[in-house]
Amino acid sequence: MSHVFRLLCVFHVSGPSTAAKVCPPRLEGQSVGVLSTRSPHRPNPLALSLVELVAVTGNTLTLAGVDLIDGTPVLDVKPYIPQYDSPLASPQDDGPTVRVAQWVASPPRPQLQVELCPRAHSSLQLFHGPDTHSPPCQHCLRYLRGPEDALAALADILAADPRSVYRKAKCSDRIFFFDLDVLHVSCWFDQDLVQVLKICPISEST
């Protein structure tokens, strides 16, 4: 088995929201019904994900592509079964027609170019993968396997421009920061470019 389809979790940090409509970043300010999106801010903060099953060790599952943080409650896990879970897996040769909402089918936004300044690149090289043979230190990644893995994750996140419409319009010249694994990342966005200015352990960011 390669994938788990029904990984059912709770967005325990977001909490429930009573908003009937939300503004997905890809729609640049257009609002749509919250139940037609995958926003974590919803009346019932449940998450349902298709993730890759990497390994099974005893009663522990190692998964890739999860949308979780430390402490996220996992309610249920079920296997991916193509005959039931994929609308294209049909006994008929043609299979059923799959339709999606117009805003989902719209062309995705152009990806931003991601650059690391020399200082940030040098700092990233100090971090290493999880070391099971020694106590964790501030440069020991918990989940990412090393600098290359961390760089790929950073590029995926930043290229998609995760900023809200408000932040793009009202805070365009400000430095943005977020945490990834044990990394505290500071960056700056331009029209078609995002530059990572600083990377340091989370413990040094406070």
N, C-alpha and C. Protein backbone atom coordinates (compact mmCIF):
# COMPACT_ATOMS: atom_id res chain seq x y z
N MET A 1 0.84 -1.19 0.00
CA MET A 1 0.00 0.00 0.00
C MET A 1 0.88 1.24 0.00
N SER A 2 0.59 2.21 -0.89
CA SER A 2 1.45 3.38 -1.02
C SER A 2 0.82 4.65 -0.44
N HIS A 3 -0.51 4.68 -0.32
CA HIS A 3 -1.17 5.91 0.10
C HIS A 3 -2.26 5.65 1.14
N VAL A 4 -2.47 6.64 1.97
CA VAL A 4 -3.58 6.67 2.91
C VAL A 4 -4.50 7.80 2.47
N PHE A 5 -5.77 7.50 2.25
CA PHE A 5 -6.68 8.51 1.74
C PHE A 5 -7.41 9.23 2.86
N ARG A 6 -8.04 8.49 3.72
CA ARG A 6 -8.83 9.15 4.76
C ARG A 6 -8.01 9.31 6.04
N LEU A 7 -7.10 10.27 5.99
CA LEU A 7 -6.41 10.69 7.21
C LEU A 7 -7.25 11.83 7.78
N LEU A 8 -8.05 11.50 8.77
CA LEU A 8 -9.01 12.45 9.32
C LEU A 8 -8.44 13.09 10.57
N CYS A 9 -8.30 14.41 10.56
CA CYS A 9 -7.66 15.14 11.65
C CYS A 9 -8.50 16.34 12.04
N VAL A 10 -8.04 17.04 13.07
CA VAL A 10 -8.71 18.26 13.55
C VAL A 10 -7.72 19.42 13.48
N PHE A 11 -8.12 20.51 12.84
CA PHE A 11 -7.30 21.73 12.84
C PHE A 11 -7.45 22.39 14.21
N HIS A 12 -6.72 21.85 15.18
CA HIS A 12 -6.94 22.25 16.57
C HIS A 12 -6.43 23.64 16.89
N VAL A 13 -5.54 24.19 16.07
CA VAL A 13 -5.03 25.53 16.32
C VAL A 13 -5.95 26.58 15.69
N SER A 14 -6.47 26.28 14.49
CA SER A 14 -7.35 27.23 13.81
C SER A 14 -8.64 27.43 14.58
N GLY A 15 -9.22 26.34 15.07
CA GLY A 15 -10.48 26.45 15.79
C GLY A 15 -11.64 26.67 14.84
N PRO A 16 -12.88 26.52 15.31
CA PRO A 16 -14.05 26.68 14.44
C PRO A 16 -14.27 28.13 14.05
N SER A 17 -14.85 28.33 12.89
CA SER A 17 -15.15 29.66 12.37
C SER A 17 -16.60 29.69 11.90
N THR A 18 -17.26 30.83 12.07
CA THR A 18 -18.65 30.96 11.63
C THR A 18 -18.76 31.66 10.28
N ALA A 19 -17.63 31.97 9.66
CA ALA A 19 -17.65 32.66 8.37
C ALA A 19 -18.26 31.77 7.30
N ALA A 20 -19.22 32.32 6.56
CA ALA A 20 -19.86 31.55 5.49
C ALA A 20 -19.02 31.57 4.22
N LYS A 21 -18.20 32.62 4.05
CA LYS A 21 -17.38 32.75 2.86
C LYS A 21 -15.94 33.07 3.26
N VAL A 22 -15.01 32.64 2.41
CA VAL A 22 -13.59 32.90 2.62
C VAL A 22 -12.99 33.35 1.29
N CYS A 23 -11.76 33.85 1.36
CA CYS A 23 -11.05 34.33 0.17
C CYS A 23 -9.80 33.50 -0.04
N PRO A 24 -9.86 32.42 -0.82
CA PRO A 24 -8.64 31.63 -1.07
C PRO A 24 -7.58 32.49 -1.73
N PRO A 25 -6.31 32.33 -1.34
CA PRO A 25 -5.24 33.17 -1.90
C PRO A 25 -5.20 33.16 -3.43
N ARG A 26 -5.50 32.02 -4.04
CA ARG A 26 -5.37 31.94 -5.50
C ARG A 26 -6.43 32.75 -6.23
N LEU A 27 -7.50 33.21 -5.52
CA LEU A 27 -8.56 33.98 -6.18
C LEU A 27 -8.34 35.49 -6.05
N GLU A 28 -7.23 35.90 -5.41
CA GLU A 28 -6.86 37.31 -5.35
C GLU A 28 -7.99 38.19 -4.83
N GLY A 29 -8.66 37.78 -3.77
CA GLY A 29 -9.67 38.63 -3.13
C GLY A 29 -11.10 38.20 -3.38
N GLN A 30 -11.36 37.35 -4.36
CA GLN A 30 -12.72 36.89 -4.61
C GLN A 30 -13.15 35.93 -3.51
N SER A 31 -14.37 36.08 -3.01
CA SER A 31 -14.85 35.22 -1.94
C SER A 31 -15.74 34.11 -2.49
N VAL A 32 -15.65 32.94 -1.87
CA VAL A 32 -16.48 31.79 -2.23
C VAL A 32 -16.94 31.12 -0.94
N GLY A 33 -17.93 30.26 -1.05
CA GLY A 33 -18.44 29.55 0.12
C GLY A 33 -17.35 28.71 0.77
N VAL A 34 -17.27 28.75 2.10
CA VAL A 34 -16.20 28.05 2.80
C VAL A 34 -16.23 26.55 2.55
N LEU A 35 -17.43 25.97 2.35
CA LEU A 35 -17.53 24.53 2.14
C LEU A 35 -17.09 24.11 0.74
N SER A 36 -16.85 25.08 -0.14
CA SER A 36 -16.33 24.75 -1.47
C SER A 36 -14.81 24.91 -1.52
N THR A 37 -14.18 25.13 -0.37
CA THR A 37 -12.74 25.33 -0.30
C THR A 37 -12.13 24.33 0.69
N ARG A 38 -10.80 24.38 0.77
CA ARG A 38 -10.09 23.57 1.76
C ARG A 38 -9.49 24.43 2.86
N SER A 39 -10.10 25.57 3.09
CA SER A 39 -9.64 26.45 4.15
C SER A 39 -9.75 25.75 5.50
N PRO A 40 -8.74 25.91 6.37
CA PRO A 40 -8.84 25.33 7.71
C PRO A 40 -9.80 26.09 8.61
N HIS A 41 -10.23 27.29 8.20
CA HIS A 41 -11.14 28.10 8.99
C HIS A 41 -12.57 27.77 8.55
N ARG A 42 -13.20 26.82 9.24
CA ARG A 42 -14.50 26.31 8.82
C ARG A 42 -15.35 26.01 10.06
N PRO A 43 -16.67 25.86 9.88
CA PRO A 43 -17.54 25.61 11.04
C PRO A 43 -17.13 24.39 11.85
N ASN A 44 -16.69 23.35 11.17
CA ASN A 44 -16.22 22.14 11.85
C ASN A 44 -14.79 21.91 11.37
N PRO A 45 -13.78 22.21 12.19
CA PRO A 45 -12.39 22.23 11.71
C PRO A 45 -11.79 20.85 11.50
N LEU A 46 -12.37 20.10 10.56
CA LEU A 46 -11.87 18.76 10.24
C LEU A 46 -11.03 18.81 8.98
N ALA A 47 -10.01 17.97 8.94
CA ALA A 47 -9.14 17.87 7.77
C ALA A 47 -9.18 16.45 7.23
N LEU A 48 -9.32 16.32 5.92
CA LEU A 48 -9.33 15.02 5.27
C LEU A 48 -8.27 15.06 4.18
N SER A 49 -7.25 14.18 4.27
CA SER A 49 -6.10 14.30 3.39
C SER A 49 -5.76 12.99 2.70
N LEU A 50 -5.22 13.12 1.49
CA LEU A 50 -4.60 12.01 0.79
C LEU A 50 -3.10 12.15 0.98
N VAL A 51 -2.46 11.19 1.63
CA VAL A 51 -1.03 11.30 1.94
C VAL A 51 -0.31 10.02 1.54
N GLU A 52 0.99 10.13 1.39
CA GLU A 52 1.81 8.98 1.02
C GLU A 52 2.22 8.19 2.26
N LEU A 53 2.05 6.89 2.19
CA LEU A 53 2.48 6.01 3.27
C LEU A 53 3.91 5.57 2.97
N VAL A 54 4.85 6.05 3.79
CA VAL A 54 6.26 5.77 3.56
C VAL A 54 6.68 4.46 4.20
N ALA A 55 6.25 4.23 5.44
CA ALA A 55 6.67 3.02 6.16
C ALA A 55 5.71 2.74 7.30
N VAL A 56 5.68 1.47 7.70
CA VAL A 56 4.93 1.05 8.87
C VAL A 56 5.90 0.32 9.79
N THR A 57 6.07 0.84 10.99
CA THR A 57 6.97 0.25 11.97
C THR A 57 6.18 -0.03 13.25
N GLY A 58 5.84 -1.29 13.48
CA GLY A 58 4.99 -1.60 14.62
C GLY A 58 3.64 -0.94 14.45
N ASN A 59 3.25 -0.11 15.40
CA ASN A 59 1.98 0.61 15.29
C ASN A 59 2.20 2.09 14.91
N THR A 60 3.35 2.37 14.28
CA THR A 60 3.68 3.74 13.88
C THR A 60 3.68 3.86 12.36
N LEU A 61 2.96 4.85 11.84
CA LEU A 61 2.93 5.13 10.41
C LEU A 61 3.84 6.32 10.10
N THR A 62 4.68 6.17 9.10
CA THR A 62 5.48 7.28 8.61
C THR A 62 4.83 7.77 7.32
N LEU A 63 4.37 9.03 7.31
CA LEU A 63 3.61 9.57 6.19
C LEU A 63 4.34 10.76 5.59
N ALA A 64 4.11 11.00 4.31
CA ALA A 64 4.67 12.16 3.61
C ALA A 64 3.53 12.98 3.03
N GLY A 65 3.73 14.28 3.01
CA GLY A 65 2.72 15.16 2.44
C GLY A 65 1.57 15.46 3.38
N VAL A 66 1.80 15.35 4.69
CA VAL A 66 0.73 15.59 5.65
C VAL A 66 0.58 17.08 5.92
N ASP A 67 -0.62 17.49 6.31
CA ASP A 67 -0.92 18.88 6.63
C ASP A 67 -1.14 18.98 8.13
N LEU A 68 -0.10 18.59 8.90
CA LEU A 68 -0.22 18.50 10.35
C LEU A 68 0.89 19.29 11.03
N ILE A 69 0.67 19.60 12.31
CA ILE A 69 1.71 20.15 13.15
C ILE A 69 1.75 19.31 14.43
N ASP A 70 2.73 19.57 15.29
CA ASP A 70 2.81 18.83 16.55
C ASP A 70 1.52 18.97 17.34
N GLY A 71 0.98 17.85 17.77
CA GLY A 71 -0.22 17.86 18.59
C GLY A 71 -1.52 17.78 17.83
N THR A 72 -1.47 17.74 16.49
CA THR A 72 -2.71 17.64 15.72
C THR A 72 -3.41 16.32 16.03
N PRO A 73 -4.65 16.36 16.51
CA PRO A 73 -5.37 15.11 16.79
C PRO A 73 -5.71 14.37 15.49
N VAL A 74 -5.36 13.10 15.40
CA VAL A 74 -5.71 12.25 14.27
C VAL A 74 -6.88 11.38 14.70
N LEU A 75 -8.01 11.51 14.02
CA LEU A 75 -9.22 10.81 14.41
C LEU A 75 -9.34 9.43 13.78
N ASP A 76 -8.84 9.30 12.54
CA ASP A 76 -9.02 8.03 11.85
C ASP A 76 -8.06 7.95 10.67
N VAL A 77 -7.74 6.72 10.28
CA VAL A 77 -6.89 6.45 9.13
C VAL A 77 -7.52 5.32 8.33
N LYS A 78 -7.66 5.53 7.03
CA LYS A 78 -8.19 4.48 6.16
C LYS A 78 -7.35 4.39 4.90
N PRO A 79 -7.28 3.20 4.29
CA PRO A 79 -6.44 3.04 3.09
C PRO A 79 -7.08 3.66 1.86
N TYR A 80 -6.24 3.97 0.90
CA TYR A 80 -6.70 4.44 -0.40
C TYR A 80 -7.04 3.23 -1.26
N ILE A 81 -8.28 3.17 -1.76
CA ILE A 81 -8.73 2.06 -2.60
C ILE A 81 -9.19 2.65 -3.94
N PRO A 82 -8.44 2.45 -5.02
CA PRO A 82 -8.76 3.11 -6.29
C PRO A 82 -10.17 2.85 -6.78
N GLN A 83 -10.67 1.62 -6.57
CA GLN A 83 -12.01 1.29 -7.09
C GLN A 83 -13.10 2.16 -6.48
N TYR A 84 -12.87 2.66 -5.27
CA TYR A 84 -13.89 3.44 -4.58
C TYR A 84 -13.53 4.93 -4.48
N ASP A 85 -12.24 5.23 -4.39
CA ASP A 85 -11.83 6.59 -4.04
C ASP A 85 -11.42 7.44 -5.23
N SER A 86 -11.25 6.85 -6.41
CA SER A 86 -10.91 7.62 -7.59
C SER A 86 -12.06 7.58 -8.58
N PRO A 87 -12.63 8.73 -8.96
CA PRO A 87 -13.73 8.71 -9.93
C PRO A 87 -13.30 8.26 -11.31
N LEU A 88 -11.99 8.20 -11.57
CA LEU A 88 -11.51 7.75 -12.87
C LEU A 88 -11.28 6.25 -12.92
N ALA A 89 -11.31 5.58 -11.75
CA ALA A 89 -11.11 4.13 -11.71
C ALA A 89 -12.46 3.46 -11.90
N SER A 90 -12.85 3.24 -13.13
CA SER A 90 -14.16 2.70 -13.45
C SER A 90 -14.00 1.46 -14.34
N PRO A 91 -14.90 0.50 -14.19
CA PRO A 91 -14.84 -0.68 -15.08
C PRO A 91 -15.01 -0.31 -16.54
N GLN A 92 -15.72 0.81 -16.82
CA GLN A 92 -15.89 1.24 -18.20
C GLN A 92 -14.58 1.85 -18.72
N ASP A 93 -14.39 1.71 -20.02
CA ASP A 93 -13.15 2.21 -20.60
C ASP A 93 -13.04 3.73 -20.47
N ASP A 94 -14.16 4.43 -20.68
CA ASP A 94 -14.11 5.89 -20.68
C ASP A 94 -14.10 6.46 -19.27
N GLY A 95 -14.81 5.82 -18.37
CA GLY A 95 -14.89 6.33 -17.01
C GLY A 95 -15.83 7.52 -16.93
N PRO A 96 -16.25 7.90 -15.74
CA PRO A 96 -17.18 9.02 -15.58
C PRO A 96 -16.51 10.36 -15.85
N THR A 97 -17.32 11.36 -16.16
CA THR A 97 -16.81 12.71 -16.36
C THR A 97 -16.64 13.39 -15.01
N VAL A 98 -15.46 13.94 -14.77
CA VAL A 98 -15.18 14.62 -13.51
C VAL A 98 -15.30 16.12 -13.73
N ARG A 99 -16.10 16.78 -12.90
CA ARG A 99 -16.29 18.22 -12.99
C ARG A 99 -15.88 18.85 -11.65
N VAL A 100 -15.29 20.01 -11.72
CA VAL A 100 -14.90 20.75 -10.52
C VAL A 100 -15.44 22.17 -10.63
N ALA A 101 -15.44 22.87 -9.51
CA ALA A 101 -15.90 24.26 -9.50
C ALA A 101 -15.03 25.11 -10.43
N GLN A 102 -15.64 26.15 -11.00
CA GLN A 102 -14.94 26.99 -11.97
C GLN A 102 -13.68 27.60 -11.37
N TRP A 103 -13.76 28.04 -10.10
CA TRP A 103 -12.58 28.69 -9.51
C TRP A 103 -11.46 27.69 -9.27
N VAL A 104 -11.81 26.40 -9.08
CA VAL A 104 -10.79 25.37 -8.91
C VAL A 104 -10.09 25.09 -10.24
N ALA A 105 -10.88 25.11 -11.31
CA ALA A 105 -10.33 24.80 -12.64
C ALA A 105 -9.58 25.97 -13.26
N SER A 106 -9.69 27.15 -12.66
CA SER A 106 -9.01 28.31 -13.24
C SER A 106 -7.50 28.11 -13.20
N PRO A 107 -6.78 28.71 -14.14
CA PRO A 107 -5.32 28.53 -14.17
C PRO A 107 -4.68 28.97 -12.86
N PRO A 108 -3.74 28.20 -12.36
CA PRO A 108 -3.07 28.59 -11.11
C PRO A 108 -2.25 29.86 -11.29
N ARG A 109 -2.00 30.55 -10.19
CA ARG A 109 -1.19 31.76 -10.25
C ARG A 109 0.24 31.42 -10.66
N PRO A 110 0.91 32.33 -11.34
CA PRO A 110 2.32 32.09 -11.67
C PRO A 110 3.15 31.89 -10.40
N GLN A 111 4.09 30.98 -10.47
CA GLN A 111 4.95 30.71 -9.33
C GLN A 111 6.01 31.80 -9.20
N LEU A 112 6.30 32.15 -7.95
CA LEU A 112 7.35 33.14 -7.71
C LEU A 112 8.72 32.48 -7.78
N GLN A 113 9.71 33.26 -8.15
CA GLN A 113 11.09 32.80 -8.10
C GLN A 113 11.58 32.93 -6.66
N VAL A 114 12.22 31.89 -6.15
CA VAL A 114 12.69 31.88 -4.77
C VAL A 114 14.21 31.94 -4.76
N GLU A 115 14.74 32.90 -4.01
CA GLU A 115 16.19 33.05 -3.88
C GLU A 115 16.58 33.11 -2.42
N LEU A 116 17.71 32.52 -2.07
CA LEU A 116 18.28 32.63 -0.74
C LEU A 116 19.49 33.56 -0.81
N CYS A 117 19.53 34.56 0.05
CA CYS A 117 20.71 35.40 0.11
C CYS A 117 21.86 34.56 0.66
N PRO A 118 23.12 34.95 0.39
CA PRO A 118 24.25 34.13 0.82
C PRO A 118 24.24 33.79 2.30
N ARG A 119 23.85 34.74 3.15
CA ARG A 119 23.84 34.47 4.58
C ARG A 119 22.81 33.40 4.93
N ALA A 120 21.63 33.48 4.34
CA ALA A 120 20.60 32.49 4.62
C ALA A 120 21.02 31.11 4.12
N HIS A 121 21.64 31.08 2.95
CA HIS A 121 22.09 29.80 2.40
C HIS A 121 23.15 29.17 3.30
N SER A 122 24.08 29.96 3.79
CA SER A 122 25.11 29.43 4.68
C SER A 122 24.51 28.92 5.98
N SER A 123 23.52 29.66 6.51
CA SER A 123 22.88 29.25 7.76
C SER A 123 22.14 27.93 7.58
N LEU A 124 21.50 27.75 6.43
CA LEU A 124 20.75 26.53 6.19
C LEU A 124 21.65 25.30 6.20
N GLN A 125 22.89 25.44 5.77
CA GLN A 125 23.80 24.31 5.72
C GLN A 125 24.18 23.79 7.10
N LEU A 126 23.92 24.57 8.15
CA LEU A 126 24.24 24.14 9.51
C LEU A 126 23.24 23.12 10.04
N PHE A 127 22.07 23.06 9.43
CA PHE A 127 21.03 22.16 9.92
C PHE A 127 21.21 20.77 9.32
N HIS A 128 20.94 19.77 10.11
CA HIS A 128 21.10 18.40 9.65
C HIS A 128 19.85 17.59 10.03
N GLY A 129 19.75 16.43 9.43
CA GLY A 129 18.58 15.58 9.65
C GLY A 129 18.50 15.06 11.07
N PRO A 130 17.36 14.47 11.43
CA PRO A 130 17.18 13.93 12.78
C PRO A 130 18.27 12.91 13.11
N ASP A 131 18.86 13.05 14.27
CA ASP A 131 19.91 12.14 14.74
C ASP A 131 19.36 11.32 15.90
N THR A 132 19.12 10.04 15.63
CA THR A 132 18.53 9.18 16.66
C THR A 132 19.56 8.70 17.68
N HIS A 133 20.83 8.99 17.44
CA HIS A 133 21.88 8.48 18.32
C HIS A 133 22.37 9.50 19.34
N SER A 134 21.88 10.74 19.26
CA SER A 134 22.31 11.76 20.21
C SER A 134 21.14 12.67 20.51
N PRO A 135 21.18 13.37 21.64
CA PRO A 135 20.09 14.28 21.99
C PRO A 135 19.91 15.35 20.92
N PRO A 136 18.68 15.76 20.63
CA PRO A 136 18.45 16.79 19.61
C PRO A 136 19.04 18.12 20.04
N CYS A 137 19.55 18.87 19.08
CA CYS A 137 20.09 20.20 19.33
C CYS A 137 19.31 21.20 18.49
N GLN A 138 19.63 22.49 18.62
CA GLN A 138 18.86 23.50 17.92
C GLN A 138 19.02 23.43 16.41
N HIS A 139 20.08 22.77 15.93
CA HIS A 139 20.28 22.62 14.49
C HIS A 139 19.86 21.24 13.98
N CYS A 140 19.21 20.46 14.83
CA CYS A 140 18.77 19.12 14.44
C CYS A 140 17.32 19.20 13.98
N LEU A 141 17.09 18.98 12.69
CA LEU A 141 15.74 18.99 12.14
C LEU A 141 14.94 17.81 12.71
N ARG A 142 13.67 18.03 12.97
CA ARG A 142 12.84 16.96 13.52
C ARG A 142 12.23 16.09 12.42
N TYR A 143 11.86 16.69 11.29
CA TYR A 143 11.13 15.96 10.26
C TYR A 143 11.86 15.99 8.91
N LEU A 144 12.37 17.14 8.54
CA LEU A 144 13.09 17.25 7.28
C LEU A 144 14.42 16.52 7.37
N ARG A 145 14.88 15.98 6.24
CA ARG A 145 16.04 15.07 6.26
C ARG A 145 17.38 15.79 6.20
N GLY A 146 17.38 17.07 5.89
CA GLY A 146 18.63 17.80 5.81
C GLY A 146 18.45 19.10 5.05
N PRO A 147 19.54 19.83 4.76
CA PRO A 147 19.44 21.13 4.09
C PRO A 147 18.72 21.08 2.74
N GLU A 148 18.99 20.06 1.94
CA GLU A 148 18.34 19.99 0.62
C GLU A 148 16.84 19.78 0.76
N ASP A 149 16.45 18.94 1.70
CA ASP A 149 15.03 18.70 1.95
C ASP A 149 14.36 19.98 2.46
N ALA A 150 15.04 20.69 3.35
CA ALA A 150 14.50 21.95 3.88
C ALA A 150 14.37 23.00 2.78
N LEU A 151 15.37 23.07 1.89
CA LEU A 151 15.33 24.04 0.80
C LEU A 151 14.16 23.74 -0.14
N ALA A 152 13.93 22.47 -0.43
CA ALA A 152 12.82 22.10 -1.30
C ALA A 152 11.48 22.48 -0.67
N ALA A 153 11.35 22.26 0.65
CA ALA A 153 10.11 22.62 1.33
C ALA A 153 9.90 24.14 1.32
N LEU A 154 10.98 24.89 1.58
CA LEU A 154 10.89 26.34 1.54
C LEU A 154 10.46 26.84 0.16
N ALA A 155 11.07 26.28 -0.87
CA ALA A 155 10.76 26.70 -2.24
C ALA A 155 9.30 26.41 -2.58
N ASP A 156 8.80 25.25 -2.18
CA ASP A 156 7.41 24.90 -2.47
C ASP A 156 6.44 25.87 -1.80
N ILE A 157 6.74 26.21 -0.54
CA ILE A 157 5.85 27.11 0.21
C ILE A 157 5.89 28.52 -0.36
N LEU A 158 7.08 29.05 -0.56
CA LEU A 158 7.22 30.45 -0.95
C LEU A 158 6.86 30.70 -2.41
N ALA A 159 7.13 29.74 -3.29
CA ALA A 159 6.82 29.93 -4.71
C ALA A 159 5.32 30.12 -4.92
N ALA A 160 4.51 29.51 -4.06
CA ALA A 160 3.06 29.62 -4.18
C ALA A 160 2.52 30.90 -3.56
N ASP A 161 3.39 31.70 -2.93
CA ASP A 161 3.00 32.97 -2.29
C ASP A 161 1.86 32.76 -1.29
N PRO A 162 2.19 32.33 -0.05
CA PRO A 162 1.15 32.03 0.93
C PRO A 162 0.54 33.26 1.60
N ARG A 163 0.92 34.46 1.22
CA ARG A 163 0.38 35.66 1.85
C ARG A 163 -1.10 35.84 1.55
N SER A 164 -1.83 36.40 2.50
CA SER A 164 -3.23 36.73 2.27
C SER A 164 -3.33 37.95 1.36
N VAL A 165 -4.52 38.19 0.81
CA VAL A 165 -4.74 39.35 -0.04
C VAL A 165 -4.48 40.63 0.75
N TYR A 166 -4.89 40.67 2.01
CA TYR A 166 -4.68 41.85 2.84
C TYR A 166 -3.18 42.15 2.98
N ARG A 167 -2.39 41.12 3.27
CA ARG A 167 -0.95 41.34 3.45
C ARG A 167 -0.29 41.78 2.16
N LYS A 168 -0.76 41.28 1.04
CA LYS A 168 -0.19 41.71 -0.24
C LYS A 168 -0.48 43.19 -0.49
N ALA A 169 -1.70 43.61 -0.15
CA ALA A 169 -2.11 44.98 -0.45
C ALA A 169 -1.62 45.98 0.58
N LYS A 170 -1.67 45.63 1.87
CA LYS A 170 -1.40 46.59 2.93
C LYS A 170 0.00 46.48 3.52
N CYS A 171 0.64 45.33 3.33
CA CYS A 171 1.95 45.11 3.97
C CYS A 171 2.99 44.66 2.97
N SER A 172 2.92 45.20 1.76
CA SER A 172 3.76 44.68 0.68
C SER A 172 5.24 44.90 0.90
N ASP A 173 5.61 45.92 1.67
CA ASP A 173 7.03 46.23 1.85
C ASP A 173 7.60 45.71 3.17
N ARG A 174 6.85 44.88 3.87
CA ARG A 174 7.30 44.40 5.17
C ARG A 174 8.00 43.05 5.05
N ILE A 175 8.79 42.76 6.05
CA ILE A 175 9.44 41.46 6.14
C ILE A 175 8.43 40.44 6.68
N PHE A 176 8.36 39.29 6.06
CA PHE A 176 7.47 38.22 6.50
C PHE A 176 8.31 37.12 7.13
N PHE A 177 7.73 36.44 8.10
CA PHE A 177 8.46 35.35 8.73
C PHE A 177 7.51 34.24 9.11
N PHE A 178 8.03 33.02 9.18
CA PHE A 178 7.25 31.85 9.56
C PHE A 178 8.21 30.78 10.04
N ASP A 179 7.65 29.76 10.68
CA ASP A 179 8.44 28.64 11.19
C ASP A 179 8.22 27.40 10.33
N LEU A 180 9.29 26.67 10.09
CA LEU A 180 9.24 25.42 9.36
C LEU A 180 10.17 24.43 10.04
N ASP A 181 9.60 23.36 10.60
CA ASP A 181 10.37 22.41 11.38
C ASP A 181 11.02 23.17 12.54
N VAL A 182 12.35 23.21 12.64
CA VAL A 182 13.01 23.99 13.69
C VAL A 182 13.58 25.29 13.13
N LEU A 183 13.20 25.64 11.90
CA LEU A 183 13.73 26.82 11.23
C LEU A 183 12.80 28.02 11.41
N HIS A 184 13.37 29.17 11.71
CA HIS A 184 12.64 30.44 11.68
C HIS A 184 13.12 31.18 10.44
N VAL A 185 12.21 31.46 9.52
CA VAL A 185 12.56 31.99 8.21
C VAL A 185 12.03 33.41 8.06
N SER A 186 12.90 34.33 7.66
CA SER A 186 12.52 35.71 7.36
C SER A 186 12.71 35.95 5.87
N CYS A 187 11.71 36.55 5.22
CA CYS A 187 11.78 36.72 3.76
C CYS A 187 11.08 38.01 3.34
N TRP A 188 11.32 38.38 2.10
CA TRP A 188 10.77 39.60 1.52
C TRP A 188 10.26 39.29 0.12
N PHE A 189 9.05 39.79 -0.19
CA PHE A 189 8.40 39.52 -1.47
C PHE A 189 8.48 40.73 -2.39
N ASP A 190 8.79 40.47 -3.65
CA ASP A 190 8.69 41.47 -4.71
C ASP A 190 7.61 41.01 -5.67
N GLN A 191 7.49 41.65 -6.82
CA GLN A 191 6.43 41.31 -7.76
C GLN A 191 6.46 39.84 -8.18
N ASP A 192 7.61 39.37 -8.62
CA ASP A 192 7.72 37.99 -9.11
C ASP A 192 8.84 37.23 -8.41
N LEU A 193 9.28 37.75 -7.27
CA LEU A 193 10.43 37.18 -6.58
C LEU A 193 10.21 37.20 -5.08
N VAL A 194 10.67 36.16 -4.40
CA VAL A 194 10.72 36.17 -2.94
C VAL A 194 12.14 35.81 -2.53
N GLN A 195 12.71 36.61 -1.66
CA GLN A 195 14.09 36.41 -1.23
C GLN A 195 14.10 36.05 0.25
N VAL A 196 14.76 34.94 0.56
CA VAL A 196 14.93 34.52 1.94
C VAL A 196 16.13 35.26 2.50
N LEU A 197 15.90 36.06 3.54
CA LEU A 197 16.94 36.92 4.08
C LEU A 197 17.68 36.29 5.23
N LYS A 198 16.98 35.51 6.04
CA LYS A 198 17.60 34.95 7.25
C LYS A 198 16.95 33.63 7.63
N ILE A 199 17.78 32.68 8.06
CA ILE A 199 17.31 31.40 8.58
C ILE A 199 18.06 31.16 9.89
N CYS A 200 17.30 30.91 10.95
CA CYS A 200 17.92 30.64 12.24
C CYS A 200 17.06 29.64 13.01
N PRO A 201 17.60 29.03 14.06
CA PRO A 201 16.78 28.12 14.87
C PRO A 201 15.63 28.91 15.52
N ILE A 202 14.50 28.26 15.68
CA ILE A 202 13.35 28.90 16.31
C ILE A 202 13.73 29.44 17.69
N SER A 203 14.61 28.74 18.38
CA SER A 203 15.00 29.16 19.73
C SER A 203 15.70 30.51 19.74
N GLU A 204 16.25 30.94 18.60
CA GLU A 204 16.95 32.22 18.53
C GLU A 204 16.08 33.34 18.01
N SER A 205 14.83 33.04 17.66
CA SER A 205 13.97 34.04 17.04
C SER A 205 13.18 34.84 18.06
N THR A 206 13.21 34.44 19.32
CA THR A 206 12.41 35.14 20.32
C THR A 206 13.27 36.14 21.08
